[in-house]
Amino acid sequence: MQQLKEHLIQNFLDKKAGTQANTDAIEAFLQGGGSVVSPEFRELLQEREEAYFQWNNALMSLNFLPSDDRAQFLGNILQST
């Protein structure tokens, strides 16, 4: 059970980081003068959708954790943001 718990938490953290990295890439693109009608921007948005979808799935997978572990983990995440 401990290994599953660690895997689910790490997966969530990885997907959260991926979503943040995409947000950073979009911001950098736009601040660098990138156009919202460009193919590059559309690609970033497509990547954003996928990253968010994966992050949401990882969040839902935390439901497999015992409720006390899930509450503690999510509480820690909220405190760190």
Protein backbone atom coordinates (compact mmCIF):
# COMPACT_ATOMS: atom_id res chain seq x y z
CA MET A 1 0.00 0.00 0.00
CA GLN A 2 2.86 2.39 0.80
CA GLN A 3 4.34 1.95 -2.68
CA LEU A 4 0.98 2.71 -4.32
CA LYS A 5 0.56 5.77 -2.12
CA GLU A 6 4.00 7.08 -3.09
CA HIS A 7 3.35 6.39 -6.76
CA LEU A 8 0.00 8.22 -6.77
CA ILE A 9 1.44 11.23 -4.95
CA GLN A 10 4.50 11.41 -7.20
CA ASN A 11 2.35 11.11 -10.30
CA PHE A 12 0.19 13.99 -9.10
CA LEU A 13 3.24 16.14 -8.36
CA ASP A 14 4.77 15.35 -11.76
CA LYS A 15 1.56 16.24 -13.61
CA LYS A 16 1.17 19.41 -11.55
CA ALA A 17 4.72 20.41 -12.52
CA GLY A 18 3.99 19.66 -16.18
CA THR A 19 0.94 21.88 -16.12
CA GLN A 20 2.95 24.68 -14.51
CA ALA A 21 5.73 24.28 -17.06
CA ASN A 22 3.19 24.68 -19.85
CA THR A 23 1.75 27.79 -18.18
CA ASP A 24 5.27 29.22 -18.00
CA ALA A 25 5.87 28.40 -21.68
CA ILE A 26 2.65 30.15 -22.72
CA GLU A 27 3.53 33.22 -20.66
CA ALA A 28 7.05 33.34 -22.12
CA PHE A 29 5.70 32.92 -25.64
CA LEU A 30 3.23 35.76 -25.24
CA GLN A 31 5.69 38.03 -23.44
CA GLY A 32 8.15 37.39 -26.24
CA GLY A 33 5.69 38.78 -28.75
CA GLY A 34 4.09 35.52 -29.85
CA SER A 35 0.71 35.73 -31.52
CA VAL A 36 -2.41 34.01 -30.20
CA VAL A 37 -3.38 33.16 -33.77
CA SER A 38 -0.08 31.45 -34.59
CA PRO A 39 0.37 27.69 -35.04
CA GLU A 40 2.90 27.76 -32.19
CA PHE A 41 0.32 29.16 -29.79
CA ARG A 42 -2.27 26.61 -30.90
CA GLU A 43 0.29 23.88 -30.22
CA LEU A 44 0.95 25.28 -26.73
CA LEU A 45 -2.79 25.31 -26.05
CA GLN A 46 -3.12 21.72 -27.23
CA GLU A 47 -0.26 20.76 -24.91
CA ARG A 48 -2.03 22.68 -22.13
CA GLU A 49 -5.22 20.69 -22.62
CA GLU A 50 -3.28 17.42 -22.44
CA ALA A 51 -1.27 18.53 -19.40
CA TYR A 52 -4.42 19.63 -17.59
CA PHE A 53 -6.21 16.40 -18.49
CA GLN A 54 -3.31 14.35 -17.11
CA TRP A 55 -3.14 16.49 -13.96
CA ASN A 56 -6.88 16.10 -13.41
CA ASN A 57 -6.61 12.33 -13.84
CA ALA A 58 -3.76 12.26 -11.33
CA LEU A 59 -5.87 14.27 -8.90
CA MET A 60 -8.74 11.82 -9.29
CA SER A 61 -6.37 8.89 -8.71
CA LEU A 62 -5.70 10.28 -5.23
CA ASN A 63 -9.19 9.05 -4.36
CA PHE A 64 -7.59 5.59 -4.05
CA LEU A 65 -5.65 6.81 -1.02
CA PRO A 66 -7.12 6.35 2.45
CA SER A 67 -9.05 9.48 3.35
CA ASP A 68 -6.63 10.52 6.13
CA ASP A 69 -3.63 10.29 3.79
CA ARG A 70 -5.47 12.13 1.04
CA ALA A 71 -6.54 14.93 3.39
CA GLN A 72 -3.02 15.32 4.75
CA PHE A 73 -1.45 15.40 1.30
CA LEU A 74 -3.95 17.88 -0.13
CA GLY A 75 -3.60 20.03 2.98
CA ASN A 76 0.16 20.12 2.45
CA ILE A 77 -0.33 21.07 -1.20
CA LEU A 78 -2.67 23.93 -0.26
CA GLN A 79 -0.21 25.24 2.33
CA SER A 80 2.63 25.23 -0.20
CA THR A 81 0.79 27.34 -2.78
